[in-house]
């Protein structure tokens, strides 16, 4: 894996939800910069395939099956990563689900709790078990993938918006608490990304999938940069924050959103 500066040599990174989409792009990028990446994901087949691809490209990667909503699995995943590499330098909390897109009055409590348990609870659990190792590294960096939906309101996304707003608040709190211990904690908020987060379109009819993608493209086109983001662009921001180039950045929320959170839409509601 050549052609990119190798800022992360001799470092180990856990990427939750690292098998596909944004997580896959982050795993590929950090590996290309020299990190030994540990993909923690419940998608075993895809995780194994992504790990194999990284290794075939000359990178270092290991897959660990993990459901971020299960504390025992999270604890074991962190322990495996540390045992494998002798320590932990970087944690990227990326795993997440969109949940049902309905008003809060139509949302079942089980659906609400599942989104919170994965999107926000997963960050809490991995932070809890990874932070002692990030402190021990002397240069620990945690990057939590939030969302513009955690910064501004969006239609019919009560659980997702609440979970991502929580990720932002938790990131700032962890930055305050663990900065004195040498750990930097930041959040990245993607906007419209060319990424089918829960592979919803694979379960749609071809016509519905095409319409869904077209709607996203049209909405993204209203933003100042006028397009969707490529997952590799999110990965580039994460790599910066994970590396020493971001050595004085902590408690930050970085929107990688094509300007959407800076733009007031005067179009049709």
C-alpha atoms as a PDB file:
ATOM      1  CA  UNK A   1       0.000   0.000   0.000  1.00  0.00           C
ATOM      2  CA  UNK A   2       2.085   2.866  -1.321  1.00  0.00           C
ATOM      3  CA  UNK A   3       1.577   6.370  -2.665  1.00  0.00           C
ATOM      4  CA  UNK A   4       0.330   7.901   0.622  1.00  0.00           C
ATOM      5  CA  UNK A   5       2.500   9.314   3.410  1.00  0.00           C
ATOM      6  CA  UNK A   6       2.918   6.728   6.145  1.00  0.00           C
ATOM      7  CA  UNK A   7       2.146   8.775   9.250  1.00  0.00           C
ATOM      8  CA  UNK A   8       0.883   5.821  11.267  1.00  0.00           C
ATOM      9  CA  UNK A   9       3.795   3.396  11.181  1.00  0.00           C
ATOM     10  CA  UNK A  10       4.099   1.196  14.274  1.00  0.00           C
ATOM     11  CA  UNK A  11       0.607   2.122  15.445  1.00  0.00           C
ATOM     12  CA  UNK A  12      -2.438  -0.039  16.022  1.00  0.00           C
ATOM     13  CA  UNK A  13      -5.951   1.141  15.265  1.00  0.00           C
ATOM     14  CA  UNK A  14      -9.348  -0.356  16.011  1.00  0.00           C
ATOM     15  CA  UNK A  15     -12.077   0.624  13.549  1.00  0.00           C
ATOM     16  CA  UNK A  16     -15.577  -0.378  14.574  1.00  0.00           C
ATOM     17  CA  UNK A  17     -17.901  -1.118  11.679  1.00  0.00           C
ATOM     18  CA  UNK A  18     -14.749  -1.277   9.586  1.00  0.00           C
ATOM     19  CA  UNK A  19     -15.968  -3.756   6.999  1.00  0.00           C
ATOM     20  CA  UNK A  20     -17.858  -1.645   4.462  1.00  0.00           C
ATOM     21  CA  UNK A  21     -18.845   1.891   3.553  1.00  0.00           C
ATOM     22  CA  UNK A  22     -17.151   4.660   5.519  1.00  0.00           C
ATOM     23  CA  UNK A  23     -15.614   2.132   7.913  1.00  0.00           C
ATOM     24  CA  UNK A  24     -14.022   0.223   5.060  1.00  0.00           C
ATOM     25  CA  UNK A  25     -12.589   3.427   3.601  1.00  0.00           C
ATOM     26  CA  UNK A  26     -11.132   4.344   7.004  1.00  0.00           C
ATOM     27  CA  UNK A  27      -9.636   0.872   7.443  1.00  0.00           C
ATOM     28  CA  UNK A  28      -8.044   1.029   3.994  1.00  0.00           C
ATOM     29  CA  UNK A  29      -6.667   4.542   4.546  1.00  0.00           C
ATOM     30  CA  UNK A  30      -5.175   3.931   7.994  1.00  0.00           C
ATOM     31  CA  UNK A  31      -3.595   0.690   6.772  1.00  0.00           C
ATOM     32  CA  UNK A  32      -2.135   2.512   3.766  1.00  0.00           C
ATOM     33  CA  UNK A  33      -0.500   4.948   6.192  1.00  0.00           C
ATOM     34  CA  UNK A  34       1.196   2.101   8.037  1.00  0.00           C
ATOM     35  CA  UNK A  35      -1.178   1.265  10.876  1.00  0.00           C
ATOM     36  CA  UNK A  36      -2.057  -2.276  11.845  1.00  0.00           C
ATOM     37  CA  UNK A  37      -5.829  -2.036  11.619  1.00  0.00           C
ATOM     38  CA  UNK A  38      -8.207  -4.204  13.615  1.00  0.00           C
ATOM     39  CA  UNK A  39     -11.669  -4.301  12.061  1.00  0.00           C
ATOM     40  CA  UNK A  40     -14.306  -4.858  14.750  1.00  0.00           C
ATOM     41  CA  UNK A  41     -17.601  -5.658  13.064  1.00  0.00           C
ATOM     42  CA  UNK A  42     -20.514  -8.050  13.234  1.00  0.00           C
ATOM     43  CA  UNK A  43     -20.463  -8.421   9.426  1.00  0.00           C
ATOM     44  CA  UNK A  44     -18.119 -11.408   9.374  1.00  0.00           C
ATOM     45  CA  UNK A  45     -18.120 -12.139   5.649  1.00  0.00           C
ATOM     46  CA  UNK A  46     -17.529  -8.531   4.633  1.00  0.00           C
ATOM     47  CA  UNK A  47     -15.026  -7.974   7.419  1.00  0.00           C
ATOM     48  CA  UNK A  48     -13.006 -10.984   6.359  1.00  0.00           C
ATOM     49  CA  UNK A  49     -13.051  -9.813   2.737  1.00  0.00           C
ATOM     50  CA  UNK A  50     -11.908  -6.272   3.615  1.00  0.00           C
ATOM     51  CA  UNK A  51      -9.158  -7.636   5.849  1.00  0.00           C
ATOM     52  CA  UNK A  52      -7.972  -9.926   3.068  1.00  0.00           C
ATOM     53  CA  UNK A  53      -7.920  -7.042   0.592  1.00  0.00           C
ATOM     54  CA  UNK A  54      -5.815  -4.880   2.909  1.00  0.00           C
ATOM     55  CA  UNK A  55      -3.306  -7.687   3.410  1.00  0.00           C
ATOM     56  CA  UNK A  56      -3.159  -8.405  -0.325  1.00  0.00           C
ATOM     57  CA  UNK A  57      -2.294  -4.746  -0.859  1.00  0.00           C
ATOM     58  CA  UNK A  58       0.605  -5.027   1.546  1.00  0.00           C
ATOM     59  CA  UNK A  59      -1.067  -3.693   4.684  1.00  0.00           C
ATOM     60  CA  UNK A  60      -1.548  -5.167   8.133  1.00  0.00           C
ATOM     61  CA  UNK A  61      -5.085  -6.049   9.164  1.00  0.00           C
ATOM     62  CA  UNK A  62      -6.973  -8.356  11.490  1.00  0.00           C
ATOM     63  CA  UNK A  63     -10.694  -8.994  11.736  1.00  0.00           C
ATOM     64  CA  UNK A  64     -12.474  -9.420  15.075  1.00  0.00           C
ATOM     65  CA  UNK A  65     -16.174 -10.284  15.171  1.00  0.00           C
ATOM     66  CA  UNK A  66     -17.887  -7.840  17.514  1.00  0.00           C
ATOM     67  CA  UNK A  67     -21.339  -6.431  18.214  1.00  0.00           C
ATOM     68  CA  UNK A  68     -20.716  -2.972  19.691  1.00  0.00           C
ATOM     69  CA  UNK A  69     -23.932  -3.184  21.713  1.00  0.00           C
ATOM     70  CA  UNK A  70     -22.533  -6.132  23.701  1.00  0.00           C
ATOM     71  CA  UNK A  71     -20.124  -5.117  26.473  1.00  0.00           C
ATOM     72  CA  UNK A  72     -18.458  -8.520  26.723  1.00  0.00           C
ATOM     73  CA  UNK A  73     -17.754  -8.629  23.001  1.00  0.00           C
ATOM     74  CA  UNK A  74     -16.340  -5.103  23.080  1.00  0.00           C
ATOM     75  CA  UNK A  75     -14.095  -5.914  26.016  1.00  0.00           C
ATOM     76  CA  UNK A  76     -12.835  -9.042  24.242  1.00  0.00           C
ATOM     77  CA  UNK A  77     -12.247  -7.164  20.967  1.00  0.00           C
ATOM     78  CA  UNK A  78     -10.089  -4.557  22.697  1.00  0.00           C
ATOM     79  CA  UNK A  79      -8.175  -7.271  24.553  1.00  0.00           C
ATOM     80  CA  UNK A  80      -7.535  -9.158  21.309  1.00  0.00           C
ATOM     81  CA  UNK A  81      -6.261  -6.030  19.573  1.00  0.00           C
ATOM     82  CA  UNK A  82      -3.927  -5.184  22.442  1.00  0.00           C
ATOM     83  CA  UNK A  83      -2.627  -8.743  22.721  1.00  0.00           C
ATOM     84  CA  UNK A  84      -2.057  -8.862  18.977  1.00  0.00           C
ATOM     85  CA  UNK A  85       0.000  -5.687  18.729  1.00  0.00           C
ATOM     86  CA  UNK A  86       1.159  -5.082  22.287  1.00  0.00           C
ATOM     87  CA  UNK A  87      -0.846  -1.889  22.653  1.00  0.00           C
ATOM     88  CA  UNK A  88      -3.423   0.419  21.132  1.00  0.00           C
ATOM     89  CA  UNK A  89      -2.869   3.876  19.681  1.00  0.00           C
ATOM     90  CA  UNK A  90      -6.012   4.775  17.731  1.00  0.00           C
ATOM     91  CA  UNK A  91      -9.703   4.072  18.164  1.00  0.00           C
ATOM     92  CA  UNK A  92     -12.209   4.967  15.463  1.00  0.00           C
ATOM     93  CA  UNK A  93     -15.807   4.539  16.616  1.00  0.00           C
ATOM     94  CA  UNK A  94     -17.625   4.245  13.313  1.00  0.00           C
ATOM     95  CA  UNK A  95     -20.227   1.494  13.768  1.00  0.00           C
ATOM     96  CA  UNK A  96     -23.775   2.763  13.412  1.00  0.00           C
ATOM     97  CA  UNK A  97     -27.226   2.169  12.001  1.00  0.00           C
ATOM     98  CA  UNK A  98     -29.816   4.673  10.727  1.00  0.00           C
ATOM     99  CA  UNK A  99     -32.818   3.018  12.353  1.00  0.00           C
ATOM    100  CA  UNK A 100     -36.364   3.523  11.140  1.00  0.00           C
ATOM    101  CA  UNK A 101     -37.053   6.862   9.490  1.00  0.00           C
ATOM    102  CA  UNK A 102     -40.318   7.770  11.219  1.00  0.00           C
ATOM    103  CA  UNK A 103     -41.589  10.528  13.532  1.00  0.00           C
ATOM    104  CA  UNK A 104     -40.986   9.869  17.201  1.00  0.00           C
ATOM    105  CA  UNK A 105     -44.708   9.211  17.769  1.00  0.00           C
ATOM    106  CA  UNK A 106     -44.485   6.264  15.361  1.00  0.00           C
ATOM    107  CA  UNK A 107     -41.195   4.874  16.651  1.00  0.00           C
ATOM    108  CA  UNK A 108     -41.323   1.697  18.716  1.00  0.00           C
ATOM    109  CA  UNK A 109     -39.309   1.768  21.931  1.00  0.00           C
ATOM    110  CA  UNK A 110     -37.300  -1.271  20.812  1.00  0.00           C
ATOM    111  CA  UNK A 111     -36.251   0.566  17.634  1.00  0.00           C
ATOM    112  CA  UNK A 112     -35.232   3.634  19.643  1.00  0.00           C
ATOM    113  CA  UNK A 113     -33.214   1.574  22.112  1.00  0.00           C
ATOM    114  CA  UNK A 114     -31.423  -0.368  19.385  1.00  0.00           C
ATOM    115  CA  UNK A 115     -30.197   2.800  17.651  1.00  0.00           C
ATOM    116  CA  UNK A 116     -29.023   4.348  20.913  1.00  0.00           C
ATOM    117  CA  UNK A 117     -27.352   1.106  22.035  1.00  0.00           C
ATOM    118  CA  UNK A 118     -25.319   0.825  18.837  1.00  0.00           C
ATOM    119  CA  UNK A 119     -24.648   4.408  17.775  1.00  0.00           C
ATOM    120  CA  UNK A 120     -24.038   5.964  21.185  1.00  0.00           C
ATOM    121  CA  UNK A 121     -23.634   2.952  23.450  1.00  0.00           C
ATOM    122  CA  UNK A 122     -20.996   1.492  21.138  1.00  0.00           C
ATOM    123  CA  UNK A 123     -18.870   4.625  21.516  1.00  0.00           C
ATOM    124  CA  UNK A 124     -19.237   4.483  25.298  1.00  0.00           C
ATOM    125  CA  UNK A 125     -18.294   0.804  25.488  1.00  0.00           C
ATOM    126  CA  UNK A 126     -15.237   1.003  23.266  1.00  0.00           C
ATOM    127  CA  UNK A 127     -14.092   4.198  25.000  1.00  0.00           C
ATOM    128  CA  UNK A 128     -14.469   2.535  28.395  1.00  0.00           C
ATOM    129  CA  UNK A 129     -12.271  -0.434  27.534  1.00  0.00           C
ATOM    130  CA  UNK A 130      -9.863   1.227  25.104  1.00  0.00           C
ATOM    131  CA  UNK A 131      -8.977   4.384  27.024  1.00  0.00           C
ATOM    132  CA  UNK A 132      -6.517   2.768  29.465  1.00  0.00           C
ATOM    133  CA  UNK A 133      -4.545   1.500  26.472  1.00  0.00           C
ATOM    134  CA  UNK A 134      -4.779   4.803  24.604  1.00  0.00           C
ATOM    135  CA  UNK A 135      -3.404   6.523  27.718  1.00  0.00           C
ATOM    136  CA  UNK A 136      -0.568   4.000  27.952  1.00  0.00           C
ATOM    137  CA  UNK A 137       0.432   4.648  24.344  1.00  0.00           C
ATOM    138  CA  UNK A 138       1.392   8.226  25.180  1.00  0.00           C
ATOM    139  CA  UNK A 139      -0.247   9.568  22.014  1.00  0.00           C
ATOM    140  CA  UNK A 140      -3.719   8.077  21.972  1.00  0.00           C
ATOM    141  CA  UNK A 141      -6.270   9.375  19.492  1.00  0.00           C
ATOM    142  CA  UNK A 142      -9.984   8.607  19.428  1.00  0.00           C
ATOM    143  CA  UNK A 143     -12.130   9.662  16.476  1.00  0.00           C
ATOM    144  CA  UNK A 144     -15.886   9.233  16.762  1.00  0.00           C
ATOM    145  CA  UNK A 145     -17.991   9.281  13.606  1.00  0.00           C
ATOM    146  CA  UNK A 146     -20.981  11.496  14.310  1.00  0.00           C
ATOM    147  CA  UNK A 147     -23.204  13.083  11.648  1.00  0.00           C
ATOM    148  CA  UNK A 148     -24.538  16.405  10.491  1.00  0.00           C
ATOM    149  CA  UNK A 149     -27.844  14.996  11.769  1.00  0.00           C
ATOM    150  CA  UNK A 150     -26.350  15.381  15.245  1.00  0.00           C
ATOM    151  CA  UNK A 151     -25.678  19.064  14.544  1.00  0.00           C
ATOM    152  CA  UNK A 152     -28.917  20.130  12.845  1.00  0.00           C
ATOM    153  CA  UNK A 153     -32.399  18.672  12.707  1.00  0.00           C
ATOM    154  CA  UNK A 154     -33.517  16.304   9.952  1.00  0.00           C
ATOM    155  CA  UNK A 155     -36.930  14.938   9.107  1.00  0.00           C
ATOM    156  CA  UNK A 156     -38.035  11.671  10.720  1.00  0.00           C
ATOM    157  CA  UNK A 157     -34.697  10.799  12.330  1.00  0.00           C
ATOM    158  CA  UNK A 158     -35.351  11.122  16.079  1.00  0.00           C
ATOM    159  CA  UNK A 159     -33.249   8.203  17.316  1.00  0.00           C
ATOM    160  CA  UNK A 160     -30.444   8.673  14.812  1.00  0.00           C
ATOM    161  CA  UNK A 161     -30.237  12.415  15.446  1.00  0.00           C
ATOM    162  CA  UNK A 162     -30.309  11.933  19.205  1.00  0.00           C
ATOM    163  CA  UNK A 163     -27.624   9.253  19.059  1.00  0.00           C
ATOM    164  CA  UNK A 164     -25.290  11.334  16.908  1.00  0.00           C
ATOM    165  CA  UNK A 165     -25.866  14.447  19.003  1.00  0.00           C
ATOM    166  CA  UNK A 166     -24.896  12.292  21.953  1.00  0.00           C
ATOM    167  CA  UNK A 167     -21.732  11.164  20.176  1.00  0.00           C
ATOM    168  CA  UNK A 168     -20.724  14.804  19.713  1.00  0.00           C
ATOM    169  CA  UNK A 169     -21.380  15.671  23.362  1.00  0.00           C
ATOM    170  CA  UNK A 170     -19.582  12.544  24.572  1.00  0.00           C
ATOM    171  CA  UNK A 171     -16.595  13.311  22.342  1.00  0.00           C
ATOM    172  CA  UNK A 172     -16.208  16.751  23.905  1.00  0.00           C
ATOM    173  CA  UNK A 173     -16.578  15.326  27.394  1.00  0.00           C
ATOM    174  CA  UNK A 174     -13.943  12.662  26.782  1.00  0.00           C
ATOM    175  CA  UNK A 175     -11.609  15.308  25.332  1.00  0.00           C
ATOM    176  CA  UNK A 176     -11.928  17.295  28.561  1.00  0.00           C
ATOM    177  CA  UNK A 177     -11.486  14.305  30.842  1.00  0.00           C
ATOM    178  CA  UNK A 178      -8.638  12.574  29.028  1.00  0.00           C
ATOM    179  CA  UNK A 179      -6.693  15.440  27.463  1.00  0.00           C
ATOM    180  CA  UNK A 180      -4.613  15.702  30.655  1.00  0.00           C
ATOM    181  CA  UNK A 181      -3.733  12.032  30.131  1.00  0.00           C
ATOM    182  CA  UNK A 182      -2.424  12.650  26.615  1.00  0.00           C
ATOM    183  CA  UNK A 183      -5.439  11.350  24.695  1.00  0.00           C
ATOM    184  CA  UNK A 184      -7.056  13.437  21.968  1.00  0.00           C
ATOM    185  CA  UNK A 185     -10.746  12.879  21.208  1.00  0.00           C
ATOM    186  CA  UNK A 186     -12.493  14.356  18.188  1.00  0.00           C
ATOM    187  CA  UNK A 187     -15.659  13.817  16.187  1.00  0.00           C
ATOM    188  CA  UNK A 188     -16.134  13.809  12.427  1.00  0.00           C
ATOM    189  CA  UNK A 189     -19.600  14.642  11.104  1.00  0.00           C
ATOM    190  CA  UNK A 190     -20.202  13.365   7.568  1.00  0.00           C
ATOM    191  CA  UNK A 191     -22.949  14.907   5.467  1.00  0.00           C
ATOM    192  CA  UNK A 192     -24.405  13.190   2.415  1.00  0.00           C
ATOM    193  CA  UNK A 193     -21.993  10.353   1.663  1.00  0.00           C
ATOM    194  CA  UNK A 194     -22.141   7.966  -1.279  1.00  0.00           C
ATOM    195  CA  UNK A 195     -22.650   5.156   1.200  1.00  0.00           C
ATOM    196  CA  UNK A 196     -25.641   2.859   1.772  1.00  0.00           C
ATOM    197  CA  UNK A 197     -25.116   2.736   5.543  1.00  0.00           C
ATOM    198  CA  UNK A 198     -27.145  -0.349   6.349  1.00  0.00           C
ATOM    199  CA  UNK A 199     -27.227  -1.687   2.761  1.00  0.00           C
ATOM    200  CA  UNK A 200     -30.883  -0.762   2.633  1.00  0.00           C
ATOM    201  CA  UNK A 201     -30.827  -0.407  -1.139  1.00  0.00           C
ATOM    202  CA  UNK A 202     -29.767  -4.035  -1.525  1.00  0.00           C
ATOM    203  CA  UNK A 203     -33.122  -4.991   0.004  1.00  0.00           C
ATOM    204  CA  UNK A 204     -35.136  -2.704  -2.265  1.00  0.00           C
ATOM    205  CA  UNK A 205     -36.464  -3.392  -5.703  1.00  0.00           C
ATOM    206  CA  UNK A 206     -34.119  -2.058  -8.409  1.00  0.00           C
ATOM    207  CA  UNK A 207     -36.615   0.715  -9.140  1.00  0.00           C
ATOM    208  CA  UNK A 208     -36.867   1.785  -5.485  1.00  0.00           C
ATOM    209  CA  UNK A 209     -33.089   1.609  -5.038  1.00  0.00           C
ATOM    210  CA  UNK A 210     -32.564   3.832  -8.067  1.00  0.00           C
ATOM    211  CA  UNK A 211     -35.143   6.311  -6.794  1.00  0.00           C
ATOM    212  CA  UNK A 212     -33.588   6.333  -3.325  1.00  0.00           C
ATOM    213  CA  UNK A 213     -30.135   7.089  -4.717  1.00  0.00           C
ATOM    214  CA  UNK A 214     -31.509   9.746  -7.058  1.00  0.00           C
ATOM    215  CA  UNK A 215     -33.207  11.495  -4.127  1.00  0.00           C
ATOM    216  CA  UNK A 216     -29.932  11.573  -2.186  1.00  0.00           C
ATOM    217  CA  UNK A 217     -28.032  12.904  -5.162  1.00  0.00           C
ATOM    218  CA  UNK A 218     -30.638  15.619  -5.701  1.00  0.00           C
ATOM    219  CA  UNK A 219     -30.570  16.666  -2.054  1.00  0.00           C
ATOM    220  CA  UNK A 220     -26.773  16.682  -1.972  1.00  0.00           C
ATOM    221  CA  UNK A 221     -26.831  18.831  -5.084  1.00  0.00           C
ATOM    222  CA  UNK A 222     -28.363  21.704  -3.084  1.00  0.00           C
ATOM    223  CA  UNK A 223     -25.231  21.945  -0.896  1.00  0.00           C
ATOM    224  CA  UNK A 224     -22.495  24.484  -1.663  1.00  0.00           C
ATOM    225  CA  UNK A 225     -20.191  21.821  -3.142  1.00  0.00           C
ATOM    226  CA  UNK A 226     -23.113  20.281  -5.005  1.00  0.00           C
ATOM    227  CA  UNK A 227     -22.399  16.578  -4.672  1.00  0.00           C
ATOM    228  CA  UNK A 228     -22.238  13.629  -2.311  1.00  0.00           C
ATOM    229  CA  UNK A 229     -19.048  12.895  -0.407  1.00  0.00           C
ATOM    230  CA  UNK A 230     -16.875   9.919  -1.264  1.00  0.00           C
ATOM    231  CA  UNK A 231     -16.123   7.694   1.774  1.00  0.00           C
ATOM    232  CA  UNK A 232     -12.413   8.199   1.055  1.00  0.00           C
ATOM    233  CA  UNK A 233     -12.853  11.894   1.878  1.00  0.00           C
ATOM    234  CA  UNK A 234     -14.123  10.993   5.344  1.00  0.00           C
ATOM    235  CA  UNK A 235     -11.202   8.598   5.738  1.00  0.00           C
ATOM    236  CA  UNK A 236      -8.728  11.362   4.878  1.00  0.00           C
ATOM    237  CA  UNK A 237     -10.109  13.544   7.679  1.00  0.00           C
ATOM    238  CA  UNK A 238      -9.902  10.641  10.126  1.00  0.00           C
ATOM    239  CA  UNK A 239      -6.297   9.908   9.123  1.00  0.00           C
ATOM    240  CA  UNK A 240      -5.331  13.513   9.825  1.00  0.00           C
ATOM    241  CA  UNK A 241      -6.931  13.450  13.275  1.00  0.00           C
ATOM    242  CA  UNK A 242      -5.360  10.067  14.055  1.00  0.00           C
ATOM    243  CA  UNK A 243      -1.858  11.229  13.115  1.00  0.00           C
ATOM    244  CA  UNK A 244       0.602  13.591  14.754  1.00  0.00           C
ATOM    245  CA  UNK A 245      -0.395  16.207  12.169  1.00  0.00           C
ATOM    246  CA  UNK A 246      -3.478  16.693  14.361  1.00  0.00           C
ATOM    247  CA  UNK A 247      -1.443  16.786  17.568  1.00  0.00           C
ATOM    248  CA  UNK A 248      -3.088  19.963  18.923  1.00  0.00           C
ATOM    249  CA  UNK A 249      -6.634  19.150  17.865  1.00  0.00           C
ATOM    250  CA  UNK A 250      -8.973  17.791  20.521  1.00  0.00           C
ATOM    251  CA  UNK A 251     -12.599  18.322  21.431  1.00  0.00           C
ATOM    252  CA  UNK A 252     -13.293  19.347  17.835  1.00  0.00           C
ATOM    253  CA  UNK A 253     -16.304  18.486  15.711  1.00  0.00           C
ATOM    254  CA  UNK A 254     -15.223  18.451  12.076  1.00  0.00           C
ATOM    255  CA  UNK A 255     -18.055  18.554   9.529  1.00  0.00           C
ATOM    256  CA  UNK A 256     -17.061  16.866   6.271  1.00  0.00           C
ATOM    257  CA  UNK A 257     -20.307  17.815   4.623  1.00  0.00           C
ATOM    258  CA  UNK A 258     -19.797  19.871   1.493  1.00  0.00           C
ATOM    259  CA  UNK A 259     -20.946  22.941   3.400  1.00  0.00           C
ATOM    260  CA  UNK A 260     -24.447  21.679   4.189  1.00  0.00           C
ATOM    261  CA  UNK A 261     -24.395  22.768   7.858  1.00  0.00           C
ATOM    262  CA  UNK A 262     -23.307  26.256   6.769  1.00  0.00           C
ATOM    263  CA  UNK A 263     -26.143  26.639   4.292  1.00  0.00           C
ATOM    264  CA  UNK A 264     -29.702  27.787   4.870  1.00  0.00           C
ATOM    265  CA  UNK A 265     -31.933  26.122   2.288  1.00  0.00           C
ATOM    266  CA  UNK A 266     -34.504  28.569   0.952  1.00  0.00           C
ATOM    267  CA  UNK A 267     -35.998  25.901  -1.292  1.00  0.00           C
ATOM    268  CA  UNK A 268     -39.272  24.038  -0.891  1.00  0.00           C
ATOM    269  CA  UNK A 269     -39.863  22.549   2.494  1.00  0.00           C
END
